[in-house]
């Protein structure tokens, strides 16, 4: 990087110039030229686990709420189901949302960011 001084009245300002030749991989422009990923870029295991977490979490929440309304004094039956249902539903819905955003994104840059946020090991 080179610094070139400019004089404007009493204040010295510096203009930054990038002298490196290989910084083109960091620009967003290169991502626009690349084709979009297909949904096959996300492993099927991740999609299956996400769907399973969401469905089982909502099922446990419904069963827990039904037991709560049926027998509110017997909290030993419904409290663990509500707790496990909440713990399963939160990541299931979050990653389902991320996969949906990935499928409908219009730029490769967005898709790269979403893939890096997913729990995928390459």
PDB file of N, CA and C in Angstrom:
ATOM      1  N   UNK A   1       0.833  -1.166   0.000  1.00  0.00           N
ATOM      2  CA  UNK A   1       0.000   0.000   0.000  1.00  0.00           C
ATOM      3  C   UNK A   1       0.888   1.244   0.000  1.00  0.00           C
ATOM      4  N   UNK A   2       0.583   2.182  -0.810  1.00  0.00           N
ATOM      5  CA  UNK A   2       1.319   3.441  -0.851  1.00  0.00           C
ATOM      6  C   UNK A   2       0.437   4.561  -0.316  1.00  0.00           C
ATOM      7  N   UNK A   3       1.050   5.474   0.383  1.00  0.00           N
ATOM      8  CA  UNK A   3       0.334   6.646   0.877  1.00  0.00           C
ATOM      9  C   UNK A   3       0.837   7.860   0.128  1.00  0.00           C
ATOM     10  N   UNK A   4      -0.061   8.590  -0.498  1.00  0.00           N
ATOM     11  CA  UNK A   4       0.288   9.817  -1.207  1.00  0.00           C
ATOM     12  C   UNK A   4      -0.285  10.990  -0.440  1.00  0.00           C
ATOM     13  N   UNK A   5       0.541  11.923  -0.020  1.00  0.00           N
ATOM     14  CA  UNK A   5       0.006  13.066   0.725  1.00  0.00           C
ATOM     15  C   UNK A   5      -0.668  14.080  -0.207  1.00  0.00           C
ATOM     16  N   UNK A   6      -1.753  14.635   0.275  1.00  0.00           N
ATOM     17  CA  UNK A   6      -2.456  15.715  -0.394  1.00  0.00           C
ATOM     18  C   UNK A   6      -2.575  16.859   0.591  1.00  0.00           C
ATOM     19  N   UNK A   7      -2.361  18.083   0.122  1.00  0.00           N
ATOM     20  CA  UNK A   7      -2.476  19.243   0.999  1.00  0.00           C
ATOM     21  C   UNK A   7      -3.778  19.970   0.687  1.00  0.00           C
ATOM     22  N   UNK A   8      -4.611  20.086   1.686  1.00  0.00           N
ATOM     23  CA  UNK A   8      -5.832  20.867   1.578  1.00  0.00           C
ATOM     24  C   UNK A   8      -5.818  21.881   2.714  1.00  0.00           C
ATOM     25  N   UNK A   9      -5.331  23.038   2.436  1.00  0.00           N
ATOM     26  CA  UNK A   9      -5.265  24.056   3.486  1.00  0.00           C
ATOM     27  C   UNK A   9      -4.243  23.636   4.542  1.00  0.00           C
ATOM     28  N   UNK A  10      -4.672  23.544   5.783  1.00  0.00           N
ATOM     29  CA  UNK A  10      -3.797  23.195   6.890  1.00  0.00           C
ATOM     30  C   UNK A  10      -3.768  21.682   7.168  1.00  0.00           C
ATOM     31  N   UNK A  11      -4.678  20.919   6.552  1.00  0.00           N
ATOM     32  CA  UNK A  11      -4.834  19.505   6.891  1.00  0.00           C
ATOM     33  C   UNK A  11      -4.140  18.647   5.846  1.00  0.00           C
ATOM     34  N   UNK A  12      -3.352  17.679   6.292  1.00  0.00           N
ATOM     35  CA  UNK A  12      -2.744  16.713   5.388  1.00  0.00           C
ATOM     36  C   UNK A  12      -3.663  15.505   5.301  1.00  0.00           C
ATOM     37  N   UNK A  13      -4.025  15.128   4.076  1.00  0.00           N
ATOM     38  CA  UNK A  13      -4.840  13.944   3.868  1.00  0.00           C
ATOM     39  C   UNK A  13      -4.037  12.947   3.053  1.00  0.00           C
ATOM     40  N   UNK A  14      -4.322  11.685   3.281  1.00  0.00           N
ATOM     41  CA  UNK A  14      -3.607  10.637   2.567  1.00  0.00           C
ATOM     42  C   UNK A  14      -4.597   9.816   1.758  1.00  0.00           C
ATOM     43  N   UNK A  15      -4.198   9.508   0.555  1.00  0.00           N
ATOM     44  CA  UNK A  15      -5.012   8.662  -0.308  1.00  0.00           C
ATOM     45  C   UNK A  15      -4.371   7.276  -0.327  1.00  0.00           C
ATOM     46  N   UNK A  16      -5.174   6.270  -0.043  1.00  0.00           N
ATOM     47  CA  UNK A  16      -4.674   4.906  -0.028  1.00  0.00           C
ATOM     48  C   UNK A  16      -4.768   4.324  -1.434  1.00  0.00           C
ATOM     49  N   UNK A  17      -3.670   3.783  -1.897  1.00  0.00           N
ATOM     50  CA  UNK A  17      -3.665   3.106  -3.173  1.00  0.00           C
ATOM     51  C   UNK A  17      -3.221   1.676  -2.939  1.00  0.00           C
ATOM     52  N   UNK A  18      -3.935   0.762  -3.493  1.00  0.00           N
ATOM     53  CA  UNK A  18      -3.616  -0.642  -3.335  1.00  0.00           C
ATOM     54  C   UNK A  18      -2.649  -1.042  -4.436  1.00  0.00           C
ATOM     55  N   UNK A  19      -1.452  -1.511  -4.045  1.00  0.00           N
ATOM     56  CA  UNK A  19      -0.448  -1.883  -5.035  1.00  0.00           C
ATOM     57  C   UNK A  19      -0.370  -3.380  -5.246  1.00  0.00           C
ATOM     58  N   UNK A  20      -1.138  -4.160  -4.473  1.00  0.00           N
ATOM     59  CA  UNK A  20      -1.080  -5.606  -4.673  1.00  0.00           C
ATOM     60  C   UNK A  20      -1.811  -5.969  -5.960  1.00  0.00           C
ATOM     61  N   UNK A  21      -1.281  -6.980  -6.636  1.00  0.00           N
ATOM     62  CA  UNK A  21      -1.834  -7.356  -7.931  1.00  0.00           C
ATOM     63  C   UNK A  21      -2.880  -8.455  -7.812  1.00  0.00           C
ATOM     64  N   UNK A  22      -2.847  -9.214  -6.733  1.00  0.00           N
ATOM     65  CA  UNK A  22      -3.732 -10.374  -6.614  1.00  0.00           C
ATOM     66  C   UNK A  22      -4.772 -10.157  -5.519  1.00  0.00           C
ATOM     67  N   UNK A  23      -5.548  -9.094  -5.609  1.00  0.00           N
ATOM     68  CA  UNK A  23      -6.626  -8.886  -4.646  1.00  0.00           C
ATOM     69  C   UNK A  23      -7.988  -9.074  -5.290  1.00  0.00           C
ATOM     70  N   UNK A  24      -7.995  -9.589  -6.506  1.00  0.00           N
ATOM     71  CA  UNK A  24      -9.264  -9.735  -7.222  1.00  0.00           C
ATOM     72  C   UNK A  24     -10.140 -10.827  -6.626  1.00  0.00           C
ATOM     73  N   UNK A  25      -9.575 -11.747  -5.827  1.00  0.00           N
ATOM     74  CA  UNK A  25     -10.388 -12.798  -5.244  1.00  0.00           C
ATOM     75  C   UNK A  25     -11.259 -12.285  -4.104  1.00  0.00           C
ATOM     76  N   UNK A  26     -11.015 -11.104  -3.601  1.00  0.00           N
ATOM     77  CA  UNK A  26     -11.794 -10.553  -2.501  1.00  0.00           C
ATOM     78  C   UNK A  26     -12.950  -9.675  -2.954  1.00  0.00           C
ATOM     79  N   UNK A  27     -13.051  -9.402  -4.200  1.00  0.00           N
ATOM     80  CA  UNK A  27     -14.085  -8.486  -4.651  1.00  0.00           C
ATOM     81  C   UNK A  27     -15.398  -9.198  -4.878  1.00  0.00           C
ATOM     82  N   UNK A  28     -16.458  -8.477  -4.691  1.00  0.00           N
ATOM     83  CA  UNK A  28     -17.791  -9.022  -4.905  1.00  0.00           C
ATOM     84  C   UNK A  28     -18.061  -9.190  -6.395  1.00  0.00           C
ATOM     85  N   UNK A  29     -17.365  -8.443  -7.215  1.00  0.00           N
ATOM     86  CA  UNK A  29     -17.578  -8.521  -8.659  1.00  0.00           C
ATOM     87  C   UNK A  29     -17.287  -9.919  -9.187  1.00  0.00           C
ATOM     88  N   UNK A  30     -16.293 -10.578  -8.640  1.00  0.00           N
ATOM     89  CA  UNK A  30     -15.976 -11.928  -9.106  1.00  0.00           C
ATOM     90  C   UNK A  30     -17.087 -12.909  -8.760  1.00  0.00           C
ATOM     91  N   UNK A  31     -17.774 -12.699  -7.644  1.00  0.00           N
ATOM     92  CA  UNK A  31     -18.879 -13.574  -7.281  1.00  0.00           C
ATOM     93  C   UNK A  31     -20.056 -13.408  -8.226  1.00  0.00           C
ATOM     94  N   UNK A  32     -20.223 -12.226  -8.800  1.00  0.00           N
ATOM     95  CA  UNK A  32     -21.327 -12.009  -9.729  1.00  0.00           C
ATOM     96  C   UNK A  32     -21.094 -12.761 -11.034  1.00  0.00           C
ATOM     97  N   UNK A  33     -19.829 -12.951 -11.401  1.00  0.00           N
ATOM     98  CA  UNK A  33     -19.518 -13.644 -12.643  1.00  0.00           C
ATOM     99  C   UNK A  33     -19.680 -15.153 -12.521  1.00  0.00           C
ATOM    100  N   UNK A  34     -19.563 -15.679 -11.304  1.00  0.00           N
ATOM    101  CA  UNK A  34     -19.653 -17.121 -11.106  1.00  0.00           C
ATOM    102  C   UNK A  34     -21.108 -17.569 -11.112  1.00  0.00           C
ATOM    103  N   UNK A  35     -21.364 -18.789 -11.576  1.00  0.00           N
ATOM    104  CA  UNK A  35     -22.748 -19.290 -11.560  1.00  0.00           C
ATOM    105  C   UNK A  35     -23.192 -19.612 -10.143  1.00  0.00           C
ATOM    106  N   UNK A  36     -24.489 -19.613  -9.922  1.00  0.00           N
ATOM    107  CA  UNK A  36     -25.039 -19.908  -8.605  1.00  0.00           C
ATOM    108  C   UNK A  36     -24.894 -21.390  -8.286  1.00  0.00           C
ATOM    109  N   UNK A  37     -24.817 -21.691  -6.989  1.00  0.00           N
ATOM    110  CA  UNK A  37     -24.816 -23.084  -6.557  1.00  0.00           C
ATOM    111  C   UNK A  37     -26.211 -23.658  -6.720  1.00  0.00           C
ATOM    112  N   UNK A  38     -26.287 -24.953  -6.887  1.00  0.00           N
ATOM    113  CA  UNK A  38     -27.568 -25.642  -6.828  1.00  0.00           C
ATOM    114  C   UNK A  38     -27.782 -26.092  -5.397  1.00  0.00           C
ATOM    115  N   UNK A  39     -28.962 -26.548  -5.099  1.00  0.00           N
ATOM    116  CA  UNK A  39     -29.254 -27.017  -3.750  1.00  0.00           C
ATOM    117  C   UNK A  39     -28.447 -28.266  -3.415  1.00  0.00           C
ATOM    118  N   UNK A  40     -27.847 -28.898  -4.419  1.00  0.00           N
ATOM    119  CA  UNK A  40     -27.008 -30.071  -4.185  1.00  0.00           C
ATOM    120  C   UNK A  40     -25.721 -29.721  -3.446  1.00  0.00           C
ATOM    121  N   UNK A  41     -25.376 -28.446  -3.342  1.00  0.00           N
ATOM    122  CA  UNK A  41     -24.166 -28.036  -2.628  1.00  0.00           C
ATOM    123  C   UNK A  41     -24.297 -28.299  -1.132  1.00  0.00           C
ATOM    124  N   UNK A  42     -25.512 -28.348  -0.640  1.00  0.00           N
ATOM    125  CA  UNK A  42     -25.749 -28.653   0.768  1.00  0.00           C
ATOM    126  C   UNK A  42     -25.985 -30.156   0.864  1.00  0.00           C
ATOM    127  N   UNK A  43     -25.232 -30.848   1.736  1.00  0.00           N
ATOM    128  CA  UNK A  43     -25.414 -32.300   1.849  1.00  0.00           C
ATOM    129  C   UNK A  43     -26.830 -32.670   2.280  1.00  0.00           C
ATOM    130  N   UNK A  44     -27.271 -33.808   1.798  1.00  0.00           N
ATOM    131  CA  UNK A  44     -28.627 -34.270   2.099  1.00  0.00           C
ATOM    132  C   UNK A  44     -28.793 -34.577   3.583  1.00  0.00           C
ATOM    133  N   UNK A  45     -27.698 -34.941   4.258  1.00  0.00           N
ATOM    134  CA  UNK A  45     -27.765 -35.197   5.697  1.00  0.00           C
ATOM    135  C   UNK A  45     -28.188 -33.943   6.458  1.00  0.00           C
ATOM    136  N   UNK A  46     -27.634 -32.804   6.077  1.00  0.00           N
ATOM    137  CA  UNK A  46     -27.972 -31.544   6.754  1.00  0.00           C
ATOM    138  C   UNK A  46     -29.441 -31.220   6.552  1.00  0.00           C
ATOM    139  N   UNK A  47     -29.939 -31.393   5.344  1.00  0.00           N
ATOM    140  CA  UNK A  47     -31.352 -31.113   5.067  1.00  0.00           C
ATOM    141  C   UNK A  47     -32.241 -32.074   5.839  1.00  0.00           C
ATOM    142  N   UNK A  48     -31.869 -33.363   5.876  1.00  0.00           N
ATOM    143  CA  UNK A  48     -32.675 -34.354   6.597  1.00  0.00           C
ATOM    144  C   UNK A  48     -32.677 -34.086   8.107  1.00  0.00           C
ATOM    145  N   UNK A  49     -31.526 -33.743   8.666  1.00  0.00           N
ATOM    146  CA  UNK A  49     -31.460 -33.454  10.105  1.00  0.00           C
ATOM    147  C   UNK A  49     -32.272 -32.209  10.438  1.00  0.00           C
ATOM    148  N   UNK A  50     -32.215 -31.219   9.571  1.00  0.00           N
ATOM    149  CA  UNK A  50     -32.981 -29.994   9.797  1.00  0.00           C
ATOM    150  C   UNK A  50     -34.476 -30.276   9.804  1.00  0.00           C
ATOM    151  N   UNK A  51     -34.931 -31.036   8.834  1.00  0.00           N
ATOM    152  CA  UNK A  51     -36.359 -31.376   8.771  1.00  0.00           C
ATOM    153  C   UNK A  51     -36.756 -32.221   9.973  1.00  0.00           C
ATOM    154  N   UNK A  52     -35.905 -33.182  10.348  1.00  0.00           N
ATOM    155  CA  UNK A  52     -36.206 -34.045  11.489  1.00  0.00           C
ATOM    156  C   UNK A  52     -36.293 -33.239  12.785  1.00  0.00           C
ATOM    157  N   UNK A  53     -35.341 -32.327  12.996  1.00  0.00           N
ATOM    158  CA  UNK A  53     -35.372 -31.500  14.208  1.00  0.00           C
ATOM    159  C   UNK A  53     -36.646 -30.659  14.277  1.00  0.00           C
ATOM    160  N   UNK A  54     -37.031 -30.085  13.169  1.00  0.00           N
ATOM    161  CA  UNK A  54     -38.224 -29.244  13.150  1.00  0.00           C
ATOM    162  C   UNK A  54     -39.487 -30.058  13.421  1.00  0.00           C
ATOM    163  N   UNK A  55     -39.642 -31.174  12.736  1.00  0.00           N
ATOM    164  CA  UNK A  55     -40.859 -31.979  12.897  1.00  0.00           C
ATOM    165  C   UNK A  55     -40.953 -32.580  14.299  1.00  0.00           C
ATOM    166  N   UNK A  56     -39.850 -33.184  14.785  1.00  0.00           N
ATOM    167  CA  UNK A  56     -39.887 -33.779  16.124  1.00  0.00           C
ATOM    168  C   UNK A  56     -40.063 -32.714  17.219  1.00  0.00           C
ATOM    169  N   UNK A  57     -39.417 -31.568  17.041  1.00  0.00           N
ATOM    170  CA  UNK A  57     -39.562 -30.499  18.024  1.00  0.00           C
ATOM    171  C   UNK A  57     -40.991 -30.001  18.124  1.00  0.00           C
ATOM    172  N   UNK A  58     -41.625 -29.784  16.983  1.00  0.00           N
ATOM    173  CA  UNK A  58     -43.024 -29.333  16.991  1.00  0.00           C
ATOM    174  C   UNK A  58     -43.938 -30.420  17.549  1.00  0.00           C
ATOM    175  N   UNK A  59     -43.636 -31.685  17.237  1.00  0.00           N
ATOM    176  CA  UNK A  59     -44.435 -32.788  17.786  1.00  0.00           C
ATOM    177  C   UNK A  59     -44.333 -32.847  19.307  1.00  0.00           C
ATOM    178  N   UNK A  60     -43.110 -32.733  19.832  1.00  0.00           N
ATOM    179  CA  UNK A  60     -42.935 -32.747  21.292  1.00  0.00           C
ATOM    180  C   UNK A  60     -43.623 -31.546  21.944  1.00  0.00           C
ATOM    181  N   UNK A  61     -43.560 -30.398  21.293  1.00  0.00           N
ATOM    182  CA  UNK A  61     -44.248 -29.218  21.835  1.00  0.00           C
ATOM    183  C   UNK A  61     -45.758 -29.432  21.877  1.00  0.00           C
ATOM    184  N   UNK A  62     -46.328 -29.989  20.833  1.00  0.00           N
ATOM    185  CA  UNK A  62     -47.779 -30.226  20.802  1.00  0.00           C
ATOM    186  C   UNK A  62     -48.188 -31.237  21.865  1.00  0.00           C
ATOM    187  N   UNK A  63     -47.428 -32.337  21.986  1.00  0.00           N
ATOM    188  CA  UNK A  63     -47.756 -33.340  23.003  1.00  0.00           C
ATOM    189  C   UNK A  63     -47.609 -32.755  24.399  1.00  0.00           C
ATOM    190  N   UNK A  64     -46.565 -31.984  24.623  1.00  0.00           N
ATOM    191  CA  UNK A  64     -46.372 -31.351  25.925  1.00  0.00           C
ATOM    192  C   UNK A  64     -47.484 -30.374  26.269  1.00  0.00           C
ATOM    193  N   UNK A  65     -47.918 -29.598  25.290  1.00  0.00           N
ATOM    194  CA  UNK A  65     -49.016 -28.655  25.539  1.00  0.00           C
ATOM    195  C   UNK A  65     -50.332 -29.387  25.782  1.00  0.00           C
ATOM    196  N   UNK A  66     -50.572 -30.486  25.065  1.00  0.00           N
ATOM    197  CA  UNK A  66     -51.789 -31.268  25.305  1.00  0.00           C
ATOM    198  C   UNK A  66     -51.790 -31.863  26.715  1.00  0.00           C
ATOM    199  N   UNK A  67     -50.641 -32.373  27.145  1.00  0.00           N
ATOM    200  CA  UNK A  67     -50.558 -32.903  28.509  1.00  0.00           C
ATOM    201  C   UNK A  67     -50.705 -31.791  29.548  1.00  0.00           C
ATOM    202  N   UNK A  68     -50.197 -30.625  29.238  1.00  0.00           N
ATOM    203  CA  UNK A  68     -50.320 -29.494  30.160  1.00  0.00           C
ATOM    204  C   UNK A  68     -51.780 -29.093  30.346  1.00  0.00           C
ATOM    205  N   UNK A  69     -52.527 -29.017  29.251  1.00  0.00           N
ATOM    206  CA  UNK A  69     -53.940 -28.634  29.365  1.00  0.00           C
ATOM    207  C   UNK A  69     -54.797 -29.749  29.955  1.00  0.00           C
ATOM    208  N   UNK A  70     -54.391 -30.996  29.762  1.00  0.00           N
ATOM    209  CA  UNK A  70     -55.155 -32.115  30.284  1.00  0.00           C
ATOM    210  C   UNK A  70     -54.936 -32.280  31.794  1.00  0.00           C
ATOM    211  N   UNK A  71     -53.665 -32.232  32.223  1.00  0.00           N
ATOM    212  CA  UNK A  71     -53.333 -32.408  33.641  1.00  0.00           C
ATOM    213  C   UNK A  71     -52.312 -31.349  34.052  1.00  0.00           C
ATOM    214  N   UNK A  72     -52.736 -30.138  34.350  1.00  0.00           N
ATOM    215  CA  UNK A  72     -51.774 -29.082  34.676  1.00  0.00           C
ATOM    216  C   UNK A  72     -51.020 -29.312  35.992  1.00  0.00           C
ATOM    217  N   UNK A  73     -51.564 -30.100  36.897  1.00  0.00           N
ATOM    218  CA  UNK A  73     -50.886 -30.319  38.177  1.00  0.00           C
ATOM    219  C   UNK A  73     -49.758 -31.347  38.057  1.00  0.00           C
ATOM    220  N   UNK A  74     -49.801 -32.214  37.067  1.00  0.00           N
ATOM    221  CA  UNK A  74     -48.806 -33.259  36.908  1.00  0.00           C
ATOM    222  C   UNK A  74     -47.718 -32.783  35.938  1.00  0.00           C
ATOM    223  N   UNK A  75     -46.830 -31.922  36.408  1.00  0.00           N
ATOM    224  CA  UNK A  75     -45.833 -31.312  35.537  1.00  0.00           C
ATOM    225  C   UNK A  75     -44.671 -32.242  35.203  1.00  0.00           C
ATOM    226  N   UNK A  76     -44.557 -33.400  35.849  1.00  0.00           N
ATOM    227  CA  UNK A  76     -43.493 -34.346  35.534  1.00  0.00           C
ATOM    228  C   UNK A  76     -43.639 -34.925  34.132  1.00  0.00           C
ATOM    229  N   UNK A  77     -44.832 -34.918  33.597  1.00  0.00           N
ATOM    230  CA  UNK A  77     -45.069 -35.500  32.280  1.00  0.00           C
ATOM    231  C   UNK A  77     -44.829 -34.499  31.153  1.00  0.00           C
ATOM    232  N   UNK A  78     -45.257 -33.271  31.303  1.00  0.00           N
ATOM    233  CA  UNK A  78     -45.216 -32.347  30.162  1.00  0.00           C
ATOM    234  C   UNK A  78     -44.000 -31.432  30.149  1.00  0.00           C
ATOM    235  N   UNK A  79     -43.387 -31.181  31.292  1.00  0.00           N
ATOM    236  CA  UNK A  79     -42.262 -30.246  31.326  1.00  0.00           C
ATOM    237  C   UNK A  79     -41.055 -30.737  30.521  1.00  0.00           C
ATOM    238  N   UNK A  80     -40.638 -32.014  30.639  1.00  0.00           N
ATOM    239  CA  UNK A  80     -39.521 -32.463  29.785  1.00  0.00           C
ATOM    240  C   UNK A  80     -39.852 -32.428  28.295  1.00  0.00           C
ATOM    241  N   UNK A  81     -41.090 -32.724  27.945  1.00  0.00           N
ATOM    242  CA  UNK A  81     -41.465 -32.678  26.526  1.00  0.00           C
ATOM    243  C   UNK A  81     -41.417 -31.253  25.986  1.00  0.00           C
ATOM    244  N   UNK A  82     -41.881 -30.301  26.767  1.00  0.00           N
ATOM    245  CA  UNK A  82     -41.816 -28.905  26.331  1.00  0.00           C
ATOM    246  C   UNK A  82     -40.366 -28.446  26.203  1.00  0.00           C
ATOM    247  N   UNK A  83     -39.552 -28.823  27.154  1.00  0.00           N
ATOM    248  CA  UNK A  83     -38.142 -28.409  27.135  1.00  0.00           C
ATOM    249  C   UNK A  83     -37.408 -29.009  25.929  1.00  0.00           C
ATOM    250  N   UNK A  84     -37.553 -30.299  25.714  1.00  0.00           N
ATOM    251  CA  UNK A  84     -36.891 -30.952  24.571  1.00  0.00           C
ATOM    252  C   UNK A  84     -37.472 -30.439  23.251  1.00  0.00           C
ATOM    253  N   UNK A  85     -38.775 -30.177  23.224  1.00  0.00           N
ATOM    254  CA  UNK A  85     -39.393 -29.634  22.016  1.00  0.00           C
ATOM    255  C   UNK A  85     -38.834 -28.273  21.647  1.00  0.00           C
ATOM    256  N   UNK A  86     -38.622 -27.429  22.650  1.00  0.00           N
ATOM    257  CA  UNK A  86     -38.043 -26.104  22.390  1.00  0.00           C
ATOM    258  C   UNK A  86     -36.597 -26.244  21.914  1.00  0.00           C
ATOM    259  N   UNK A  87     -35.839 -27.123  22.576  1.00  0.00           N
ATOM    260  CA  UNK A  87     -34.432 -27.309  22.197  1.00  0.00           C
ATOM    261  C   UNK A  87     -34.277 -27.890  20.792  1.00  0.00           C
ATOM    262  N   UNK A  88     -35.234 -28.637  20.335  1.00  0.00           N
ATOM    263  CA  UNK A  88     -35.155 -29.209  18.981  1.00  0.00           C
ATOM    264  C   UNK A  88     -35.716 -28.257  17.925  1.00  0.00           C
ATOM    265  N   UNK A  89     -36.703 -27.483  18.278  1.00  0.00           N
ATOM    266  CA  UNK A  89     -37.362 -26.615  17.303  1.00  0.00           C
ATOM    267  C   UNK A  89     -36.501 -25.414  16.928  1.00  0.00           C
ATOM    268  N   UNK A  90     -35.807 -24.827  17.874  1.00  0.00           N
ATOM    269  CA  UNK A  90     -35.039 -23.608  17.593  1.00  0.00           C
ATOM    270  C   UNK A  90     -33.975 -23.827  16.514  1.00  0.00           C
ATOM    271  N   UNK A  91     -33.057 -24.799  16.652  1.00  0.00           N
ATOM    272  CA  UNK A  91     -32.087 -24.968  15.552  1.00  0.00           C
ATOM    273  C   UNK A  91     -32.725 -25.512  14.275  1.00  0.00           C
ATOM    274  N   UNK A  92     -33.770 -26.308  14.402  1.00  0.00           N
ATOM    275  CA  UNK A  92     -34.432 -26.834  13.207  1.00  0.00           C
ATOM    276  C   UNK A  92     -35.019 -25.730  12.355  1.00  0.00           C
ATOM    277  N   UNK A  93     -35.715 -24.792  12.981  1.00  0.00           N
ATOM    278  CA  UNK A  93     -36.311 -23.685  12.228  1.00  0.00           C
ATOM    279  C   UNK A  93     -35.231 -22.738  11.702  1.00  0.00           C
ATOM    280  N   UNK A  94     -34.187 -22.510  12.485  1.00  0.00           N
ATOM    281  CA  UNK A  94     -33.116 -21.603  12.061  1.00  0.00           C
ATOM    282  C   UNK A  94     -32.424 -22.127  10.800  1.00  0.00           C
ATOM    283  N   UNK A  95     -32.026 -23.394  10.821  1.00  0.00           N
ATOM    284  CA  UNK A  95     -31.324 -23.940   9.658  1.00  0.00           C
ATOM    285  C   UNK A  95     -32.266 -24.177   8.485  1.00  0.00           C
ATOM    286  N   UNK A  96     -33.528 -24.424   8.745  1.00  0.00           N
ATOM    287  CA  UNK A  96     -34.502 -24.503   7.647  1.00  0.00           C
ATOM    288  C   UNK A  96     -34.608 -23.151   6.947  1.00  0.00           C
ATOM    289  N   UNK A  97     -34.615 -22.098   7.728  1.00  0.00           N
ATOM    290  CA  UNK A  97     -34.648 -20.742   7.168  1.00  0.00           C
ATOM    291  C   UNK A  97     -33.390 -20.481   6.336  1.00  0.00           C
ATOM    292  N   UNK A  98     -32.231 -20.869   6.856  1.00  0.00           N
ATOM    293  CA  UNK A  98     -30.976 -20.647   6.127  1.00  0.00           C
ATOM    294  C   UNK A  98     -30.954 -21.410   4.802  1.00  0.00           C
ATOM    295  N   UNK A  99     -31.438 -22.644   4.813  1.00  0.00           N
ATOM    296  CA  UNK A  99     -31.465 -23.437   3.582  1.00  0.00           C
ATOM    297  C   UNK A  99     -32.439 -22.832   2.576  1.00  0.00           C
ATOM    298  N   UNK A 100     -33.570 -22.313   3.063  1.00  0.00           N
ATOM    299  CA  UNK A 100     -34.533 -21.657   2.176  1.00  0.00           C
ATOM    300  C   UNK A 100     -33.948 -20.389   1.574  1.00  0.00           C
ATOM    301  N   UNK A 101     -33.249 -19.590   2.378  1.00  0.00           N
ATOM    302  CA  UNK A 101     -32.608 -18.380   1.861  1.00  0.00           C
ATOM    303  C   UNK A 101     -31.540 -18.757   0.838  1.00  0.00           C
ATOM    304  N   UNK A 102     -30.811 -19.834   1.087  1.00  0.00           N
ATOM    305  CA  UNK A 102     -29.800 -20.311   0.140  1.00  0.00           C
ATOM    306  C   UNK A 102     -30.443 -20.669  -1.200  1.00  0.00           C
ATOM    307  N   UNK A 103     -31.573 -21.361  -1.146  1.00  0.00           N
ATOM    308  CA  UNK A 103     -32.234 -21.795  -2.369  1.00  0.00           C
ATOM    309  C   UNK A 103     -32.766 -20.621  -3.183  1.00  0.00           C
ATOM    310  N   UNK A 104     -33.201 -19.552  -2.513  1.00  0.00           N
ATOM    311  CA  UNK A 104     -33.788 -18.418  -3.221  1.00  0.00           C
ATOM    312  C   UNK A 104     -32.854 -17.231  -3.384  1.00  0.00           C
ATOM    313  N   UNK A 105     -31.584 -17.357  -2.984  1.00  0.00           N
ATOM    314  CA  UNK A 105     -30.665 -16.228  -3.120  1.00  0.00           C
ATOM    315  C   UNK A 105     -30.298 -16.030  -4.586  1.00  0.00           C
ATOM    316  N   UNK A 106     -30.003 -14.798  -4.929  1.00  0.00           N
ATOM    317  CA  UNK A 106     -29.741 -14.448  -6.320  1.00  0.00           C
ATOM    318  C   UNK A 106     -28.270 -14.156  -6.590  1.00  0.00           C
ATOM    319  N   UNK A 107     -27.412 -14.277  -5.572  1.00  0.00           N
ATOM    320  CA  UNK A 107     -25.997 -14.019  -5.802  1.00  0.00           C
ATOM    321  C   UNK A 107     -25.154 -15.126  -5.180  1.00  0.00           C
ATOM    322  N   UNK A 108     -24.046 -15.366  -5.801  1.00  0.00           N
ATOM    323  CA  UNK A 108     -23.120 -16.400  -5.328  1.00  0.00           C
ATOM    324  C   UNK A 108     -22.507 -15.983  -3.993  1.00  0.00           C
ATOM    325  N   UNK A 109     -22.323 -14.689  -3.787  1.00  0.00           N
ATOM    326  CA  UNK A 109     -21.744 -14.182  -2.547  1.00  0.00           C
ATOM    327  C   UNK A 109     -22.634 -14.542  -1.356  1.00  0.00           C
ATOM    328  N   UNK A 110     -23.937 -14.353  -1.467  1.00  0.00           N
ATOM    329  CA  UNK A 110     -24.861 -14.736  -0.394  1.00  0.00           C
ATOM    330  C   UNK A 110     -24.795 -16.237  -0.133  1.00  0.00           C
ATOM    331  N   UNK A 111     -24.740 -17.012  -1.209  1.00  0.00           N
ATOM    332  CA  UNK A 111     -24.693 -18.453  -1.054  1.00  0.00           C
ATOM    333  C   UNK A 111     -23.411 -18.897  -0.351  1.00  0.00           C
ATOM    334  N   UNK A 112     -22.293 -18.278  -0.668  1.00  0.00           N
ATOM    335  CA  UNK A 112     -21.029 -18.600   0.005  1.00  0.00           C
ATOM    336  C   UNK A 112     -21.117 -18.306   1.494  1.00  0.00           C
ATOM    337  N   UNK A 113     -21.716 -17.171   1.854  1.00  0.00           N
ATOM    338  CA  UNK A 113     -21.852 -16.830   3.272  1.00  0.00           C
ATOM    339  C   UNK A 113     -22.742 -17.826   3.998  1.00  0.00           C
ATOM    340  N   UNK A 114     -23.827 -18.235   3.381  1.00  0.00           N
ATOM    341  CA  UNK A 114     -24.749 -19.179   4.024  1.00  0.00           C
ATOM    342  C   UNK A 114     -24.089 -20.543   4.182  1.00  0.00           C
ATOM    343  N   UNK A 115     -23.340 -20.985   3.183  1.00  0.00           N
ATOM    344  CA  UNK A 115     -22.664 -22.275   3.282  1.00  0.00           C
ATOM    345  C   UNK A 115     -21.654 -22.266   4.424  1.00  0.00           C
ATOM    346  N   UNK A 116     -20.986 -21.142   4.637  1.00  0.00           N
ATOM    347  CA  UNK A 116     -20.010 -21.071   5.722  1.00  0.00           C
ATOM    348  C   UNK A 116     -20.684 -21.063   7.090  1.00  0.00           C
ATOM    349  N   UNK A 117     -21.932 -20.644   7.168  1.00  0.00           N
ATOM    350  CA  UNK A 117     -22.652 -20.643   8.441  1.00  0.00           C
ATOM    351  C   UNK A 117     -23.239 -22.011   8.781  1.00  0.00           C
ATOM    352  N   UNK A 118     -23.432 -22.858   7.781  1.00  0.00           N
ATOM    353  CA  UNK A 118     -24.014 -24.173   8.032  1.00  0.00           C
ATOM    354  C   UNK A 118     -22.981 -25.106   8.661  1.00  0.00           C
ATOM    355  N   UNK A 119     -23.427 -26.042   9.497  1.00  0.00           N
ATOM    356  CA  UNK A 119     -22.467 -26.964  10.146  1.00  0.00           C
ATOM    357  C   UNK A 119     -22.037 -28.084   9.199  1.00  0.00           C
ATOM    358  N   UNK A 120     -21.276 -27.732   8.183  1.00  0.00           N
ATOM    359  CA  UNK A 120     -20.830 -28.696   7.182  1.00  0.00           C
ATOM    360  C   UNK A 120     -19.315 -28.832   7.316  1.00  0.00           C
ATOM    361  N   UNK A 121     -18.836 -30.066   7.338  1.00  0.00           N
ATOM    362  CA  UNK A 121     -17.399 -30.309   7.353  1.00  0.00           C
ATOM    363  C   UNK A 121     -16.991 -30.836   6.001  1.00  0.00           C
ATOM    364  N   UNK A 122     -16.039 -30.168   5.386  1.00  0.00           N
ATOM    365  CA  UNK A 122     -15.536 -30.612   4.065  1.00  0.00           C
ATOM    366  C   UNK A 122     -14.235 -31.333   4.226  1.00  0.00           C
TER     367      UNK A 122
END
